[in-house]
């Protein structure tokens, strides 16, 4: 079945402006242009749009999506399986949060007692799962399962105060890094502050800190496509800038 841009937009829940933009950047071309000049989309384009929207739900940038689905080695079935796994992880997280909310209601009504650890387990579990999704494969390849599992246990055992401190630190790091990138100077005061905040952030997960490991992770942010796409999704060049700032911070600038 074929669709005009208006019909495809309505069916997919996206605007025609978005579809035109996808065409302009080469992300989703129409199958053909009819005699009246309208964009016409067929089954192949419908499937491609579905995959684009799947990846957008996972927070990928349009540039990263284009690279992935335009690759000759792209396997749609495998991509769908991976997306299914991520959805199952999200559902498990929502179930955990729902249980947490229900227990909190019961505690507020005086029907049960709830420890401070229980109040935050859902949020800490979410943090562990997000880190596994973003960095798990690469981290396990680089540092081994034991080190990653140990880091995950460290997060799950965080106190309420530690969790709140980590959340605050993460926000400060993101804001500082965003401002630092705009200066264009990885050796500048803001960039070096971001590198120090990044070190403090890492220490919530690592048992021991070393400049060499910090520098190695920074290099991986640029060398690995998934890391690079994550950091560059809102501000292109962020991954490389953070790497350079950390290499200067650790004294390991090549």
Protein backbone atom coordinates (compact mmCIF):
# COMPACT_ATOMS: atom_id res chain seq x y z
CA UNK A 1 0.00 0.00 0.00
CA UNK A 2 1.14 3.52 -0.78
CA UNK A 3 0.66 6.71 1.23
CA UNK A 4 0.89 10.42 0.57
CA UNK A 5 2.96 12.39 3.04
CA UNK A 6 -0.20 13.55 4.82
CA UNK A 7 -1.58 10.04 5.22
CA UNK A 8 1.74 8.62 6.38
CA UNK A 9 2.14 11.45 8.88
CA UNK A 10 -1.32 10.86 10.35
CA UNK A 11 -0.78 7.11 10.56
CA UNK A 12 2.64 7.41 12.20
CA UNK A 13 1.79 10.35 14.44
CA UNK A 14 4.46 12.65 13.00
CA UNK A 15 4.08 15.96 11.23
CA UNK A 16 4.50 16.41 7.48
CA UNK A 17 7.15 18.98 8.32
CA UNK A 18 9.15 16.25 10.07
CA UNK A 19 8.79 13.90 7.11
CA UNK A 20 9.94 16.63 4.73
CA UNK A 21 12.95 17.25 6.95
CA UNK A 22 13.77 13.53 6.97
CA UNK A 23 13.68 13.67 3.17
CA UNK A 24 15.96 16.73 3.08
CA UNK A 25 18.65 15.11 5.23
CA UNK A 26 18.45 11.79 3.40
CA UNK A 27 17.03 9.86 6.33
CA UNK A 28 13.73 8.89 4.72
CA UNK A 29 13.24 9.43 1.00
CA UNK A 30 9.82 8.88 -0.60
CA UNK A 31 9.48 5.94 -2.95
CA UNK A 32 8.57 8.33 -5.73
CA UNK A 33 7.10 11.71 -6.60
CA UNK A 34 3.78 11.46 -8.46
CA UNK A 35 2.69 13.54 -11.43
CA UNK A 36 1.14 16.12 -9.12
CA UNK A 37 4.43 16.58 -7.26
CA UNK A 38 3.36 14.74 -4.09
CA UNK A 39 5.72 12.51 -2.14
CA UNK A 40 4.54 8.89 -2.21
CA UNK A 41 5.71 6.31 0.35
CA UNK A 42 5.53 2.54 -0.02
CA UNK A 43 5.95 -0.47 2.33
CA UNK A 44 9.74 -0.14 2.42
CA UNK A 45 9.52 3.48 3.53
CA UNK A 46 6.87 2.65 6.13
CA UNK A 47 9.20 0.04 7.66
CA UNK A 48 12.11 2.47 7.62
CA UNK A 49 10.04 5.17 9.34
CA UNK A 50 8.99 2.69 12.02
CA UNK A 51 12.65 1.87 12.68
CA UNK A 52 13.56 5.57 12.81
CA UNK A 53 10.87 6.18 15.42
CA UNK A 54 12.06 3.17 17.43
CA UNK A 55 15.55 4.62 17.58
CA UNK A 56 14.26 8.10 18.38
CA UNK A 57 12.48 6.60 21.41
CA UNK A 58 15.88 5.35 22.56
CA UNK A 59 17.28 8.89 22.36
CA UNK A 60 19.52 8.44 19.32
CA UNK A 61 20.36 11.47 17.20
CA UNK A 62 19.11 11.64 13.61
CA UNK A 63 22.68 11.52 12.34
CA UNK A 64 23.40 8.36 14.33
CA UNK A 65 20.15 6.76 13.14
CA UNK A 66 21.00 7.51 9.53
CA UNK A 67 24.44 5.92 9.91
CA UNK A 68 22.97 2.78 11.49
CA UNK A 69 20.03 2.09 9.18
CA UNK A 70 21.90 3.09 6.03
CA UNK A 71 24.72 0.67 6.75
CA UNK A 72 24.92 -2.28 4.30
CA UNK A 73 25.16 -4.58 7.33
CA UNK A 74 21.95 -3.27 8.93
CA UNK A 75 19.70 -6.17 9.93
CA UNK A 76 16.13 -4.99 10.57
CA UNK A 77 15.06 -8.18 12.34
CA UNK A 78 18.06 -8.04 14.67
CA UNK A 79 17.40 -4.36 15.31
CA UNK A 80 13.81 -5.15 16.23
CA UNK A 81 14.96 -7.88 18.61
CA UNK A 82 17.33 -5.43 20.31
CA UNK A 83 14.57 -2.85 20.54
CA UNK A 84 12.26 -5.45 22.07
CA UNK A 85 14.87 -6.20 24.75
CA UNK A 86 15.15 -2.53 25.60
CA UNK A 87 11.37 -2.21 25.84
CA UNK A 88 11.25 -5.20 28.18
CA UNK A 89 13.89 -3.53 30.33
CA UNK A 90 11.83 -0.34 30.43
CA UNK A 91 8.71 -2.32 31.34
CA UNK A 92 10.58 -4.03 34.17
CA UNK A 93 11.71 -0.63 35.42
CA UNK A 94 8.15 0.75 35.27
CA UNK A 95 6.87 -2.30 37.14
CA UNK A 96 9.48 -1.74 39.83
CA UNK A 97 8.56 1.94 40.15
CA UNK A 98 4.87 1.07 40.27
CA UNK A 99 5.48 -1.36 43.14
CA UNK A 100 7.52 1.34 44.84
CA UNK A 101 4.67 3.86 44.51
CA UNK A 102 2.10 1.36 45.81
CA UNK A 103 4.26 0.53 48.83
CA UNK A 104 4.79 4.24 49.50
CA UNK A 105 1.02 4.81 49.48
CA UNK A 106 0.59 1.96 51.96
CA UNK A 107 3.35 3.43 54.13
CA UNK A 108 1.72 6.88 54.03
CA UNK A 109 -1.57 5.32 55.12
CA UNK A 110 0.17 3.55 58.00
CA UNK A 111 -0.47 0.05 56.70
CA UNK A 112 3.23 -0.91 56.32
CA UNK A 113 6.65 0.35 57.36
CA UNK A 114 9.05 1.28 54.57
CA UNK A 115 12.80 1.76 55.01
CA UNK A 116 14.71 4.60 53.37
CA UNK A 117 16.55 2.03 51.23
CA UNK A 118 13.25 0.70 49.89
CA UNK A 119 12.07 4.20 48.98
CA UNK A 120 14.90 4.63 46.50
CA UNK A 121 15.53 1.13 45.16
CA UNK A 122 13.46 1.77 42.03
CA UNK A 123 15.44 4.84 41.11
CA UNK A 124 18.79 3.19 41.77
CA UNK A 125 17.79 0.16 39.72
CA UNK A 126 16.87 2.51 36.88
CA UNK A 127 20.30 4.11 37.08
CA UNK A 128 22.01 0.72 36.89
CA UNK A 129 19.90 -0.32 33.90
CA UNK A 130 20.50 2.98 32.09
CA UNK A 131 24.24 2.63 32.59
CA UNK A 132 24.14 -0.96 31.34
CA UNK A 133 22.21 0.16 28.26
CA UNK A 134 24.55 3.05 27.46
CA UNK A 135 27.90 1.62 28.48
CA UNK A 136 27.45 -2.01 29.55
CA UNK A 137 28.77 -3.85 26.52
CA UNK A 138 31.85 -1.67 26.12
CA UNK A 139 32.55 -1.50 29.86
CA UNK A 140 32.35 -5.26 30.25
CA UNK A 141 34.64 -5.79 27.27
CA UNK A 142 37.16 -3.30 28.65
CA UNK A 143 37.01 -3.90 32.41
CA UNK A 144 35.44 -7.35 32.75
CA UNK A 145 32.14 -8.59 34.20
CA UNK A 146 33.38 -8.65 37.79
CA UNK A 147 34.32 -4.96 37.81
CA UNK A 148 31.02 -3.91 36.21
CA UNK A 149 28.95 -6.08 38.55
CA UNK A 150 30.84 -4.63 41.50
CA UNK A 151 30.08 -1.10 40.28
CA UNK A 152 26.39 -1.97 39.90
CA UNK A 153 26.27 -3.32 43.47
CA UNK A 154 27.87 -0.11 44.67
CA UNK A 155 25.04 1.89 43.10
CA UNK A 156 22.32 -0.35 44.51
CA UNK A 157 23.81 0.00 47.98
CA UNK A 158 23.85 3.78 47.87
CA UNK A 159 22.22 5.64 50.73
CA UNK A 160 19.50 8.20 50.10
CA UNK A 161 22.03 10.99 50.62
CA UNK A 162 24.53 9.46 48.20
CA UNK A 163 21.85 9.01 45.55
CA UNK A 164 20.75 12.63 45.88
CA UNK A 165 24.38 13.76 45.70
CA UNK A 166 24.91 11.74 42.52
CA UNK A 167 21.79 13.20 40.91
CA UNK A 168 22.93 16.73 41.76
CA UNK A 169 26.44 16.03 40.50
CA UNK A 170 25.12 14.62 37.21
CA UNK A 171 23.11 17.78 36.58
CA UNK A 172 26.07 20.02 37.43
CA UNK A 173 28.36 18.01 35.14
CA UNK A 174 25.93 18.24 32.21
CA UNK A 175 25.47 22.00 32.64
CA UNK A 176 29.18 22.69 33.07
CA UNK A 177 30.16 20.55 30.09
CA UNK A 178 27.55 22.23 27.90
CA UNK A 179 28.93 25.65 28.77
CA UNK A 180 32.54 24.50 28.44
CA UNK A 181 32.04 23.17 24.90
CA UNK A 182 30.86 26.62 23.83
CA UNK A 183 34.22 28.09 24.90
CA UNK A 184 36.07 25.74 22.55
CA UNK A 185 38.97 25.46 25.01
CA UNK A 186 39.45 22.01 26.63
CA UNK A 187 42.24 23.45 28.79
CA UNK A 188 40.06 26.30 30.05
CA UNK A 189 38.68 26.71 33.55
CA UNK A 190 35.19 25.47 32.68
CA UNK A 191 36.48 22.45 30.78
CA UNK A 192 38.78 21.45 33.60
CA UNK A 193 35.95 21.87 36.08
CA UNK A 194 33.87 19.52 33.91
CA UNK A 195 36.72 16.99 33.89
CA UNK A 196 36.95 17.15 37.69
CA UNK A 197 33.18 16.72 38.03
CA UNK A 198 33.42 13.75 35.71
CA UNK A 199 36.07 12.23 38.01
CA UNK A 200 33.79 12.71 41.01
CA UNK A 201 30.91 11.17 39.06
CA UNK A 202 33.03 8.12 38.20
CA UNK A 203 33.96 7.61 41.84
CA UNK A 204 30.31 6.82 42.60
CA UNK A 205 30.73 3.73 40.41
CA UNK A 206 34.43 2.81 40.59
CA UNK A 207 36.05 1.25 43.66
CA UNK A 208 39.37 2.88 42.77
CA UNK A 209 40.17 5.87 40.59
CA UNK A 210 43.20 6.18 38.33
CA UNK A 211 44.08 8.83 35.80
CA UNK A 212 45.00 6.15 33.27
CA UNK A 213 41.58 4.50 33.50
CA UNK A 214 39.88 7.91 33.35
CA UNK A 215 41.84 8.80 30.21
CA UNK A 216 41.09 5.40 28.67
CA UNK A 217 37.38 5.89 29.20
CA UNK A 218 37.58 9.38 27.71
CA UNK A 219 39.20 8.01 24.57
CA UNK A 220 36.49 5.36 24.29
CA UNK A 221 33.86 8.15 24.32
CA UNK A 222 35.16 9.16 20.89
CA UNK A 223 36.34 5.84 19.47
CA UNK A 224 33.10 3.98 20.18
CA UNK A 225 30.15 5.06 18.04
CA UNK A 226 27.54 4.48 20.76
CA UNK A 227 29.36 6.64 23.28
CA UNK A 228 30.02 9.34 20.71
CA UNK A 229 26.38 9.42 19.58
CA UNK A 230 25.20 9.71 23.19
CA UNK A 231 27.44 12.67 24.03
CA UNK A 232 27.03 14.41 20.67
CA UNK A 233 23.26 14.06 20.35
CA UNK A 234 22.49 17.58 21.61
CA UNK A 235 25.82 19.31 21.06
CA UNK A 236 28.03 17.90 18.26
CA UNK A 237 31.69 17.62 19.23
CA UNK A 238 31.01 17.13 22.94
CA UNK A 239 32.59 13.67 23.11
CA UNK A 240 35.87 14.84 21.57
CA UNK A 241 35.89 17.97 23.72
CA UNK A 242 35.35 15.97 26.92
CA UNK A 243 38.08 13.53 25.91
CA UNK A 244 40.56 16.35 25.36
CA UNK A 245 39.59 18.03 28.64
CA UNK A 246 40.06 14.77 30.58
CA UNK A 247 43.39 14.00 28.90
CA UNK A 248 44.64 17.45 29.93
CA UNK A 249 43.17 16.97 33.43
CA UNK A 250 44.92 13.62 33.89
CA UNK A 251 48.18 14.83 32.33
CA UNK A 252 47.89 12.21 29.60
CA UNK A 253 47.28 14.50 26.64
CA UNK A 254 48.99 12.94 23.62
